[in-house]
Amino acid sequence: MRRPAVRSLRGRLLVGTVALLVVGLLAADVTAYLALRRFLDERVDNTIELVLDRGLARARLAGPAMPTAGMEQLVPANAYLALYDAEGTLVLGRLPLQHGDARRPVVPPINELPERPVTIGDDPETALRVRRELLPPEQALPVEINGQVRPVTGLVVGVTLADNAATLRRLLLIQVVAGLLIVVLGVALARLVLNNGLRPLRAVADTARDIGRGDLRRRVPVGDPRTEIGSVATALNEAFDQRERSEALTRTFVADASHELRTPLSAVHGWADLYLNDGITDWDGVDEAMRRIRTETTRMGTLVEQLLTLARLDAHQPLARDEVDLGRVCADVLDSLRVTAAHHRLALAVDEPVTVTGDETSLHQVAQNLVGNAVRHTPPGTAIEVRVHHGDEDVVLVVHDEGPGLDAQGLAHAFDRFWRADPGRAAPGGTGLGLAIVRDIVEAHGGTVALDSAPGQGLTVTVRLPRATT
């Protein structure tokens, strides 16, 4: 495909503006030209009609016979006059004054002329606008021609169109000169307006280039946000802010993940060095080292699996859309935790049946993380209650514990990745990703999750999911 000759936005706008200006001028000039020509033609027809009416009236008042000179004086000097008798014979003809060497048109006989006015000749300089007038025999005008009285029953009067042609030529010349001046001034004004109007776009491009080079704190000057460019600048600034926040979160996430992986790796490395440097001298010590290494590698595996889960959720990979019995999922989670959480009082209350549409594995992980967090962050003997029931328009999953709860700061940051209420006293096996994964999975299912807590009053997590569609 052939590329346009003008590529820049300013060039295209300038060309479009000039094209519209030229089209508008042409339309206005053509309209004015046609209107003036019609006006001049109508004026000529009115002049011919006036000459005929006045001439006939004066001829009837002239007496028994009007001399030829008197008849010729009835019409202007630049008019055509022809008189015919009852047999259609031309008895008197006078052509208008001639200017230059142009050839005069030939006026047909009166019986070949139509009743309405007609133009004779193609050259505007010599063309005539003529009209005939036929009189009944009883109203014939007696005209003395060469000493002989002749009855005139037909008159042809015409007016030259040379003056009309000169007027139209002057109008055309004025239109051309004025049009050129208007186009030149329009181009200059359009360039000035476009340069001023597109200056903010150049600022946008310069700022975008600076941000692309690494200056992430630069922002586009907004100006008036009510204008189109102001709206674009505002949207770009929002996008740049989002990018800066995203990159900051990514850096924080990578740093936190590295820190979390470094701790178990350091433990594994330390136990391995202790063994290789003969720091372990009996089999009981070897068993303890292997147990610690296995614990740390399990923790690393859990962390890596959670990181992969978050990566899949961040990539918005499609989830399965099956009917899932949420009550049965929660029952399976509690059954699997009763051995490891034997010192906690676990209880389940379910309205049967409670189904949602979603990915069963992901919803199982939601319940597993919520109940696991409650077990991990509460002392032995704490009551943990799981309730699943129908809401007004959704399905509700509630996990409530009677543990120490969270303060306002904890509630504000509970869903942040790698955040812990007390990093120095992190619960064994915790990664700080459990609630972040819960939030992302629930939102991917079109639901919401909320926390309600106060220090010393336990923690309540409420998950709301859309009902299964039938």
Protein backbone atom coordinates (compact mmCIF):
# COMPACT_ATOMS: atom_id res chain seq x y z
CA MET A 1 0.00 0.00 0.00
CA ARG A 2 1.27 3.44 -0.90
CA ARG A 3 2.03 5.60 2.11
CA PRO A 4 0.60 9.12 2.29
CA ALA A 5 2.92 11.90 1.19
CA VAL A 6 2.22 13.87 4.36
CA ARG A 7 2.97 11.77 7.45
CA SER A 8 3.02 14.22 10.33
CA LEU A 9 -0.17 15.09 12.17
CA ARG A 10 0.49 18.80 11.73
CA GLY A 11 0.98 18.35 7.98
CA ARG A 12 -2.23 16.36 7.60
CA LEU A 13 -4.20 18.88 9.64
CA LEU A 14 -2.74 21.75 7.61
CA VAL A 15 -3.55 20.06 4.31
CA GLY A 16 -7.06 19.27 5.51
CA THR A 17 -7.62 22.84 6.70
CA VAL A 18 -6.40 24.33 3.43
CA ALA A 19 -8.51 21.86 1.44
CA LEU A 20 -11.62 22.81 3.41
CA LEU A 21 -10.81 26.50 2.97
CA VAL A 22 -10.35 26.11 -0.79
CA VAL A 23 -13.55 24.09 -1.14
CA GLY A 24 -15.45 26.67 0.89
CA LEU A 25 -14.09 29.54 -1.18
CA LEU A 26 -14.90 27.75 -4.44
CA ALA A 27 -18.43 27.03 -3.27
CA ALA A 28 -18.93 30.65 -2.18
CA ASP A 29 -17.40 32.06 -5.38
CA VAL A 30 -19.44 29.80 -7.66
CA THR A 31 -22.61 30.64 -5.76
CA ALA A 32 -21.90 34.39 -5.93
CA TYR A 33 -21.01 34.17 -9.65
CA LEU A 34 -24.18 32.28 -10.55
CA ALA A 35 -26.35 34.56 -8.41
CA LEU A 36 -24.90 37.70 -10.02
CA ARG A 37 -25.26 36.28 -13.53
CA ARG A 38 -28.89 35.43 -12.85
CA PHE A 39 -29.49 38.90 -11.44
CA LEU A 40 -27.93 40.54 -14.50
CA ASP A 41 -29.98 38.37 -16.86
CA GLU A 42 -33.18 39.25 -15.02
CA ARG A 43 -32.24 42.93 -15.13
CA VAL A 44 -31.71 42.74 -18.90
CA ASP A 45 -35.12 41.06 -19.36
CA ASN A 46 -36.74 43.76 -17.21
CA THR A 47 -34.99 46.45 -19.27
CA ILE A 48 -36.27 44.95 -22.53
CA GLU A 49 -39.82 44.75 -21.17
CA LEU A 50 -39.61 48.36 -19.93
CA VAL A 51 -38.31 49.58 -23.32
CA LEU A 52 -41.12 47.84 -25.16
CA ASP A 53 -43.84 49.15 -22.89
CA ARG A 54 -42.57 52.72 -22.94
CA GLY A 55 -41.85 52.66 -26.67
CA LEU A 56 -45.29 51.43 -27.59
CA ALA A 57 -46.95 53.97 -25.32
CA ARG A 58 -44.97 56.89 -26.78
CA ALA A 59 -45.51 55.65 -30.35
CA ARG A 60 -49.30 55.68 -29.90
CA LEU A 61 -49.13 59.20 -28.56
CA ALA A 62 -46.96 60.46 -31.42
CA GLY A 63 -49.80 61.15 -33.91
CA PRO A 64 -50.81 59.69 -37.29
CA ALA A 65 -47.30 58.49 -38.17
CA MET A 66 -44.00 58.41 -36.25
CA PRO A 67 -40.85 59.24 -38.17
CA THR A 68 -37.99 56.72 -38.19
CA ALA A 69 -35.76 58.93 -36.10
CA GLY A 70 -38.42 59.24 -33.46
CA MET A 71 -38.86 55.49 -33.38
CA GLU A 72 -35.14 54.92 -32.97
CA GLN A 73 -35.06 57.36 -30.09
CA LEU A 74 -37.47 55.14 -28.15
CA VAL A 75 -34.71 52.61 -27.40
CA PRO A 76 -31.22 53.13 -25.89
CA ALA A 77 -28.23 53.49 -28.17
CA ASN A 78 -26.82 50.11 -27.14
CA ALA A 79 -30.08 48.30 -27.91
CA TYR A 80 -31.13 46.33 -30.98
CA LEU A 81 -34.33 47.37 -32.79
CA ALA A 82 -36.19 45.66 -35.62
CA LEU A 83 -39.64 46.57 -37.05
CA TYR A 84 -41.77 44.21 -39.15
CA ASP A 85 -44.96 44.76 -41.14
CA ALA A 86 -47.95 42.45 -41.25
CA GLU A 87 -46.32 40.24 -43.93
CA GLY A 88 -43.29 39.68 -41.68
CA THR A 89 -41.02 41.88 -43.78
CA LEU A 90 -38.24 43.74 -42.01
CA VAL A 91 -38.92 47.44 -42.55
CA LEU A 92 -36.34 48.84 -40.08
CA GLY A 93 -33.33 47.34 -38.31
CA ARG A 94 -30.73 48.91 -36.08
CA LEU A 95 -27.83 47.13 -34.47
CA PRO A 96 -26.23 48.32 -31.20
CA LEU A 97 -22.97 50.21 -31.20
CA GLN A 98 -20.01 47.92 -31.82
CA HIS A 99 -16.78 47.96 -29.80
CA GLY A 100 -13.74 46.30 -31.33
CA ASP A 101 -13.64 43.93 -34.26
CA ALA A 102 -15.94 41.26 -32.83
CA ARG A 103 -18.46 39.90 -35.29
CA ARG A 104 -22.08 40.74 -34.55
CA PRO A 105 -24.56 37.90 -34.19
CA VAL A 106 -27.29 37.44 -36.77
CA VAL A 107 -30.80 37.96 -35.34
CA PRO A 108 -33.33 35.54 -36.92
CA PRO A 109 -36.58 36.91 -38.42
CA ILE A 110 -39.41 37.65 -36.04
CA ASN A 111 -41.42 34.59 -37.00
CA GLU A 112 -38.46 32.37 -35.95
CA LEU A 113 -38.12 33.89 -32.49
CA PRO A 114 -39.88 32.38 -29.46
CA GLU A 115 -42.30 34.37 -27.34
CA ARG A 116 -39.98 34.43 -24.33
CA PRO A 117 -36.67 36.35 -24.25
CA VAL A 118 -33.78 34.50 -25.87
CA THR A 119 -30.01 35.03 -26.14
CA ILE A 120 -28.54 35.33 -29.65
CA GLY A 121 -24.81 34.60 -30.07
CA ASP A 122 -22.20 32.61 -28.19
CA ASP A 123 -19.65 35.37 -27.63
CA PRO A 124 -20.49 37.27 -24.42
CA GLU A 125 -18.96 40.44 -25.95
CA THR A 126 -21.44 40.57 -28.86
CA ALA A 127 -24.36 38.43 -27.68
CA LEU A 128 -27.83 39.97 -27.62
CA ARG A 129 -30.77 39.30 -25.37
CA VAL A 130 -33.86 39.83 -27.59
CA ARG A 131 -37.61 39.67 -27.22
CA ARG A 132 -40.35 39.99 -29.84
CA GLU A 133 -43.70 41.74 -29.51
CA LEU A 134 -46.53 41.03 -32.02
CA LEU A 135 -49.40 43.48 -32.43
CA PRO A 136 -52.83 42.71 -33.87
CA PRO A 137 -53.47 44.41 -37.28
CA GLU A 138 -55.96 46.85 -35.79
CA GLN A 139 -53.27 48.07 -33.36
CA ALA A 140 -50.52 48.43 -36.00
CA LEU A 141 -48.17 51.36 -35.47
CA PRO A 142 -47.83 53.72 -38.47
CA VAL A 143 -44.17 54.52 -39.01
CA GLU A 144 -42.80 56.83 -41.69
CA ILE A 145 -39.85 55.13 -43.38
CA ASN A 146 -38.16 56.85 -46.34
CA GLY A 147 -41.20 59.10 -46.83
CA GLN A 148 -43.61 56.19 -46.83
CA VAL A 149 -45.94 55.27 -43.95
CA ARG A 150 -45.69 51.58 -43.13
CA PRO A 151 -47.91 49.72 -40.61
CA VAL A 152 -45.72 47.96 -38.06
CA THR A 153 -47.18 44.88 -36.37
CA GLY A 154 -43.99 43.33 -35.00
CA LEU A 155 -41.18 44.67 -32.91
CA VAL A 156 -37.96 43.00 -31.80
CA VAL A 157 -35.96 44.71 -29.07
CA GLY A 158 -32.63 43.44 -27.82
CA VAL A 159 -29.95 44.53 -25.37
CA THR A 160 -26.28 43.69 -25.67
CA LEU A 161 -24.79 41.47 -22.96
CA ALA A 162 -21.34 43.02 -23.19
CA ASP A 163 -21.85 44.99 -19.99
CA ASN A 164 -22.94 41.83 -18.18
CA ALA A 165 -19.86 39.99 -19.44
CA ALA A 166 -17.57 42.83 -18.28
CA THR A 167 -19.20 42.83 -14.84
CA LEU A 168 -18.80 39.05 -14.49
CA ARG A 169 -15.15 39.29 -15.61
CA ARG A 170 -14.44 41.87 -12.94
CA LEU A 171 -16.18 39.71 -10.33
CA LEU A 172 -14.13 36.69 -11.39
CA LEU A 173 -10.89 38.67 -11.19
CA ILE A 174 -11.80 39.94 -7.71
CA GLN A 175 -12.71 36.43 -6.59
CA VAL A 176 -9.41 34.98 -7.82
CA VAL A 177 -7.27 37.69 -6.20
CA ALA A 178 -9.25 37.67 -2.96
CA GLY A 179 -9.28 33.86 -2.89
CA LEU A 180 -5.50 33.68 -3.24
CA LEU A 181 -5.04 36.23 -0.46
CA ILE A 182 -7.49 34.37 1.78
CA VAL A 183 -5.74 31.04 1.13
CA VAL A 184 -2.31 32.52 1.90
CA LEU A 185 -3.58 34.18 5.08
CA GLY A 186 -5.48 31.00 6.00
CA VAL A 187 -2.34 28.87 5.62
CA ALA A 188 -0.34 31.27 7.77
CA LEU A 189 -3.05 31.40 10.43
CA ALA A 190 -3.53 27.62 10.35
CA ARG A 191 0.20 27.05 10.82
CA LEU A 192 0.22 29.45 13.77
CA VAL A 193 -2.82 27.82 15.39
CA LEU A 194 -1.53 24.27 14.78
CA ASN A 195 1.90 25.11 16.15
CA ASN A 196 0.36 26.48 19.33
CA GLY A 197 -2.24 23.73 19.56
CA LEU A 198 0.19 20.85 19.02
CA ARG A 199 2.86 22.20 21.36
CA PRO A 200 1.39 20.15 24.27
CA LEU A 201 1.66 17.01 22.12
CA ARG A 202 5.35 17.68 21.61
CA ALA A 203 5.67 18.05 25.37
CA VAL A 204 3.89 14.70 25.76
CA ALA A 205 6.32 13.05 23.33
CA ASP A 206 9.37 14.58 25.06
CA THR A 207 8.13 13.47 28.48
CA ALA A 208 7.38 9.95 27.21
CA ARG A 209 10.91 9.69 25.79
CA ASP A 210 12.41 10.84 29.10
CA ILE A 211 10.34 8.26 30.98
CA GLY A 212 11.40 5.60 28.49
CA ARG A 213 15.03 6.48 29.24
CA GLY A 214 14.46 5.81 32.94
CA ASP A 215 13.26 9.09 34.45
CA LEU A 216 10.12 7.54 35.93
CA ARG A 217 9.25 10.61 38.01
CA ARG A 218 8.66 12.83 34.97
CA ARG A 219 5.03 13.61 34.18
CA VAL A 220 3.25 15.22 31.26
CA PRO A 221 2.08 18.83 31.83
CA VAL A 222 -1.70 18.63 31.84
CA GLY A 223 -2.78 22.21 31.17
CA ASP A 224 -6.55 22.44 30.90
CA PRO A 225 -7.96 18.96 31.65
CA ARG A 226 -11.19 19.85 29.86
CA THR A 227 -9.45 19.84 26.46
CA GLU A 228 -8.68 16.75 24.40
CA ILE A 229 -4.93 17.12 24.92
CA GLY A 230 -5.50 17.69 28.63
CA SER A 231 -7.52 14.45 28.80
CA VAL A 232 -4.75 12.55 26.96
CA ALA A 233 -2.11 14.00 29.28
CA THR A 234 -4.15 13.04 32.35
CA ALA A 235 -4.63 9.49 31.06
CA LEU A 236 -0.91 9.18 30.27
CA ASN A 237 0.06 10.43 33.72
CA GLU A 238 -2.26 7.85 35.26
CA ALA A 239 -0.66 5.16 33.10
CA PHE A 240 2.83 6.33 34.09
CA ASP A 241 1.82 6.34 37.77
CA GLN A 242 0.47 2.83 37.41
CA ARG A 243 3.67 1.71 35.70
CA GLU A 244 5.80 3.25 38.44
CA ARG A 245 3.70 1.56 41.11
CA SER A 246 3.82 -1.74 39.24
CA GLU A 247 7.59 -1.61 38.89
CA ALA A 248 7.96 -0.64 42.54
CA LEU A 249 5.75 -3.57 43.55
CA THR A 250 7.73 -5.87 41.28
CA ARG A 251 11.01 -4.77 42.83
CA THR A 252 9.57 -5.20 46.31
CA PHE A 253 8.15 -8.57 45.39
CA VAL A 254 11.46 -9.82 43.98
CA ALA A 255 13.35 -8.51 47.01
CA ASP A 256 10.90 -10.12 49.44
CA ALA A 257 10.89 -13.41 47.52
CA SER A 258 14.68 -13.42 47.50
CA HIS A 259 14.73 -12.75 51.24
CA GLU A 260 12.21 -15.50 51.95
CA LEU A 261 14.17 -18.00 49.85
CA ARG A 262 17.50 -16.93 51.34
CA THR A 263 16.42 -17.94 54.87
CA PRO A 264 15.73 -21.64 54.16
CA LEU A 265 18.65 -21.82 51.75
CA SER A 266 20.96 -20.47 54.46
CA ALA A 267 19.64 -23.07 56.89
CA VAL A 268 20.19 -25.90 54.39
CA HIS A 269 23.65 -24.56 53.58
CA GLY A 270 24.53 -24.29 57.28
CA TRP A 271 23.49 -27.84 58.14
CA ALA A 272 25.32 -29.16 55.08
CA ASP A 273 28.50 -27.27 56.02
CA LEU A 274 28.19 -28.53 59.58
CA TYR A 275 28.06 -32.09 58.37
CA LEU A 276 30.90 -31.68 55.81
CA ASN A 277 33.14 -30.03 58.42
CA ASP A 278 32.69 -32.95 60.82
CA GLY A 279 30.52 -30.87 63.11
CA ILE A 280 28.09 -33.79 63.42
CA THR A 281 29.72 -36.85 65.05
CA ASP A 282 26.80 -39.20 65.71
CA TRP A 283 23.81 -40.58 63.86
CA ASP A 284 21.35 -38.69 65.98
CA GLY A 285 22.93 -35.44 64.80
CA VAL A 286 22.75 -36.62 61.19
CA ASP A 287 19.06 -37.42 61.60
CA GLU A 288 18.44 -33.97 63.08
CA ALA A 289 20.34 -32.30 60.21
CA MET A 290 18.35 -34.25 57.60
CA ARG A 291 15.09 -33.38 59.34
CA ARG A 292 15.96 -29.66 59.38
CA ILE A 293 17.06 -29.77 55.74
CA ARG A 294 13.81 -31.47 54.78
CA THR A 295 11.78 -28.89 56.71
CA GLU A 296 13.53 -26.00 54.97
CA THR A 297 13.26 -27.54 51.50
CA THR A 298 9.56 -28.16 52.11
CA ARG A 299 9.20 -24.51 53.07
CA MET A 300 11.02 -23.48 49.90
CA GLY A 301 8.79 -25.73 47.82
CA THR A 302 5.69 -24.20 49.39
CA LEU A 303 6.98 -20.70 48.75
CA VAL A 304 7.84 -21.47 45.11
CA GLU A 305 4.41 -23.03 44.57
CA GLN A 306 2.72 -19.95 46.01
CA LEU A 307 4.84 -17.67 43.85
CA LEU A 308 3.81 -19.66 40.78
CA THR A 309 0.16 -19.39 41.83
CA LEU A 310 0.45 -15.61 42.14
CA ALA A 311 2.19 -15.43 38.75
CA ARG A 312 -0.66 -17.36 37.12
CA LEU A 313 -3.23 -15.10 38.77
CA ASP A 314 -1.33 -11.97 37.73
CA ALA A 315 -1.29 -13.27 34.14
CA HIS A 316 -5.12 -13.62 34.31
CA GLN A 317 -5.01 -17.18 33.04
CA PRO A 318 -8.56 -18.56 32.60
CA LEU A 319 -9.91 -20.66 35.46
CA ALA A 320 -12.15 -23.70 35.18
CA ARG A 321 -15.88 -22.95 35.30
CA ASP A 322 -17.44 -25.97 37.03
CA GLU A 323 -20.16 -26.32 39.63
CA VAL A 324 -18.38 -26.69 42.97
CA ASP A 325 -19.96 -27.71 46.27
CA LEU A 326 -18.29 -25.17 48.55
CA GLY A 327 -19.49 -26.93 51.71
CA ARG A 328 -17.86 -30.20 50.67
CA VAL A 329 -14.62 -28.35 49.82
CA CYS A 330 -14.51 -26.83 53.32
CA ALA A 331 -15.30 -30.21 54.90
CA ASP A 332 -12.35 -31.80 53.04
CA VAL A 333 -10.04 -29.00 54.22
CA LEU A 334 -11.06 -29.44 57.87
CA ASP A 335 -10.71 -33.22 57.65
CA SER A 336 -7.14 -32.85 56.34
CA LEU A 337 -6.24 -30.38 59.12
CA ARG A 338 -7.67 -32.28 62.08
CA VAL A 339 -4.45 -34.27 62.45
CA THR A 340 -2.02 -31.32 62.22
CA ALA A 341 -4.37 -29.00 64.14
CA ALA A 342 -5.43 -31.46 66.83
CA HIS A 343 -4.94 -28.86 69.55
CA HIS A 344 -7.47 -26.46 67.94
CA ARG A 345 -11.24 -26.74 68.10
CA LEU A 346 -12.42 -26.85 64.48
CA ALA A 347 -16.14 -26.56 63.66
CA LEU A 348 -18.06 -26.49 60.37
CA ALA A 349 -21.60 -25.22 59.70
CA VAL A 350 -22.94 -25.66 56.15
CA ASP A 351 -26.28 -24.99 54.49
CA GLU A 352 -26.88 -27.85 52.06
CA PRO A 353 -26.31 -27.61 49.19
CA VAL A 354 -24.12 -24.53 48.61
CA THR A 355 -22.70 -24.46 45.08
CA VAL A 356 -20.70 -21.90 43.14
CA THR A 357 -19.29 -21.78 39.62
CA GLY A 358 -15.50 -21.83 39.57
CA ASP A 359 -12.26 -23.77 39.78
CA GLU A 360 -12.44 -26.40 42.52
CA THR A 361 -8.67 -26.56 43.08
CA SER A 362 -8.41 -22.79 43.50
CA LEU A 363 -11.40 -22.65 45.87
CA HIS A 364 -9.88 -25.51 47.88
CA GLN A 365 -6.72 -23.39 48.20
CA VAL A 366 -8.81 -20.43 49.45
CA ALA A 367 -10.33 -22.52 52.24
CA GLN A 368 -6.96 -24.16 52.97
CA ASN A 369 -5.19 -20.80 53.32
CA LEU A 370 -7.89 -19.23 55.49
CA VAL A 371 -8.18 -22.13 57.94
CA GLY A 372 -4.41 -22.73 57.86
CA ASN A 373 -3.75 -19.10 58.74
CA ALA A 374 -6.21 -19.30 61.62
CA VAL A 375 -4.50 -22.43 62.95
CA ARG A 376 -0.99 -21.04 62.44
CA HIS A 377 -1.57 -17.64 64.09
CA THR A 378 -3.66 -18.66 67.12
CA PRO A 379 -2.57 -20.49 70.26
CA PRO A 380 -3.53 -24.14 70.92
CA GLY A 381 -7.06 -24.63 72.14
CA THR A 382 -8.45 -21.71 70.09
CA ALA A 383 -11.90 -22.27 68.55
CA ILE A 384 -12.03 -21.88 64.76
CA GLU A 385 -15.45 -21.89 63.09
CA VAL A 386 -16.10 -22.24 59.36
CA ARG A 387 -19.57 -21.30 58.08
CA VAL A 388 -20.91 -21.70 54.53
CA HIS A 389 -24.36 -20.39 53.69
CA HIS A 390 -26.45 -18.60 51.09
CA GLY A 391 -26.55 -14.82 51.11
CA ASP A 392 -29.19 -12.59 49.56
CA GLU A 393 -27.65 -12.79 46.08
CA ASP A 394 -24.43 -14.75 46.64
CA VAL A 395 -22.69 -17.51 48.59
CA VAL A 396 -20.87 -16.61 51.81
CA LEU A 397 -17.85 -18.37 53.36
CA VAL A 398 -16.91 -17.17 56.86
CA VAL A 399 -13.82 -18.26 58.80
CA HIS A 400 -13.80 -16.96 62.39
CA ASP A 401 -11.22 -17.58 65.08
CA GLU A 402 -11.02 -16.44 68.69
CA GLY A 403 -7.32 -15.62 68.54
CA PRO A 404 -5.47 -12.38 69.30
CA GLY A 405 -6.86 -10.62 66.20
CA LEU A 406 -5.33 -7.75 64.22
CA ASP A 407 -5.03 -4.03 64.84
CA ALA A 408 -5.92 -1.32 62.31
CA GLN A 409 -2.48 -1.44 60.70
CA GLY A 410 -2.71 -5.20 60.36
CA LEU A 411 -6.11 -4.99 58.68
CA ALA A 412 -4.78 -2.37 56.24
CA HIS A 413 -1.81 -4.52 55.15
CA ALA A 414 -3.12 -8.06 55.64
CA PHE A 415 -3.51 -8.67 51.88
CA ASP A 416 -0.06 -7.29 50.98
CA ARG A 417 2.37 -9.86 49.67
CA PHE A 418 5.00 -11.04 52.21
CA TRP A 419 3.44 -8.90 54.92
CA ARG A 420 3.34 -10.24 58.47
CA ALA A 421 1.81 -8.67 61.55
CA ASP A 422 5.03 -9.33 63.49
CA PRO A 423 7.93 -10.23 61.18
CA GLY A 424 10.17 -10.98 64.13
CA ARG A 425 7.74 -13.62 65.42
CA ALA A 426 6.55 -15.13 62.14
CA ALA A 427 4.50 -18.26 62.50
CA PRO A 428 6.32 -21.48 61.52
CA GLY A 429 5.69 -22.35 57.87
CA GLY A 430 4.20 -18.98 57.04
CA THR A 431 5.24 -17.08 53.89
CA GLY A 432 3.10 -13.94 54.06
CA LEU A 433 1.40 -14.86 50.76
CA GLY A 434 -1.66 -16.75 51.98
CA LEU A 435 -4.16 -13.89 52.14
CA ALA A 436 -2.77 -12.30 48.95
CA ILE A 437 -3.48 -15.56 47.13
CA VAL A 438 -6.96 -15.73 48.67
CA ARG A 439 -7.79 -12.22 47.50
CA ASP A 440 -6.56 -12.81 43.93
CA ILE A 441 -8.43 -16.13 43.60
CA VAL A 442 -11.66 -14.69 44.97
CA GLU A 443 -11.49 -11.64 42.69
CA ALA A 444 -10.76 -13.92 39.72
CA HIS A 445 -14.09 -15.65 40.53
CA GLY A 446 -15.90 -12.31 40.62
CA GLY A 447 -16.16 -12.24 44.41
CA THR A 448 -14.94 -10.17 47.35
CA VAL A 449 -13.09 -10.85 50.59
CA ALA A 450 -13.14 -8.71 53.74
CA LEU A 451 -11.56 -8.80 57.22
CA ASP A 452 -13.11 -7.80 60.53
CA SER A 453 -11.01 -7.81 63.67
CA ALA A 454 -9.84 -5.96 66.75
CA PRO A 455 -6.98 -6.77 69.13
CA GLY A 456 -8.07 -9.53 71.54
CA GLN A 457 -11.39 -10.18 69.71
CA GLY A 458 -10.31 -12.66 67.06
CA LEU A 459 -10.39 -12.39 63.28
CA THR A 460 -13.31 -12.91 60.89
CA VAL A 461 -12.71 -13.42 57.18
CA THR A 462 -15.79 -13.13 54.94
CA VAL A 463 -15.67 -14.36 51.34
CA ARG A 464 -18.58 -13.66 48.98
CA LEU A 465 -18.85 -15.54 45.68
CA PRO A 466 -21.49 -15.48 42.93
CA ARG A 467 -23.99 -18.30 43.03
CA ALA A 468 -23.80 -21.11 40.51
CA THR A 469 -25.73 -20.26 37.33
CA THR A 470 -28.36 -22.78 36.35
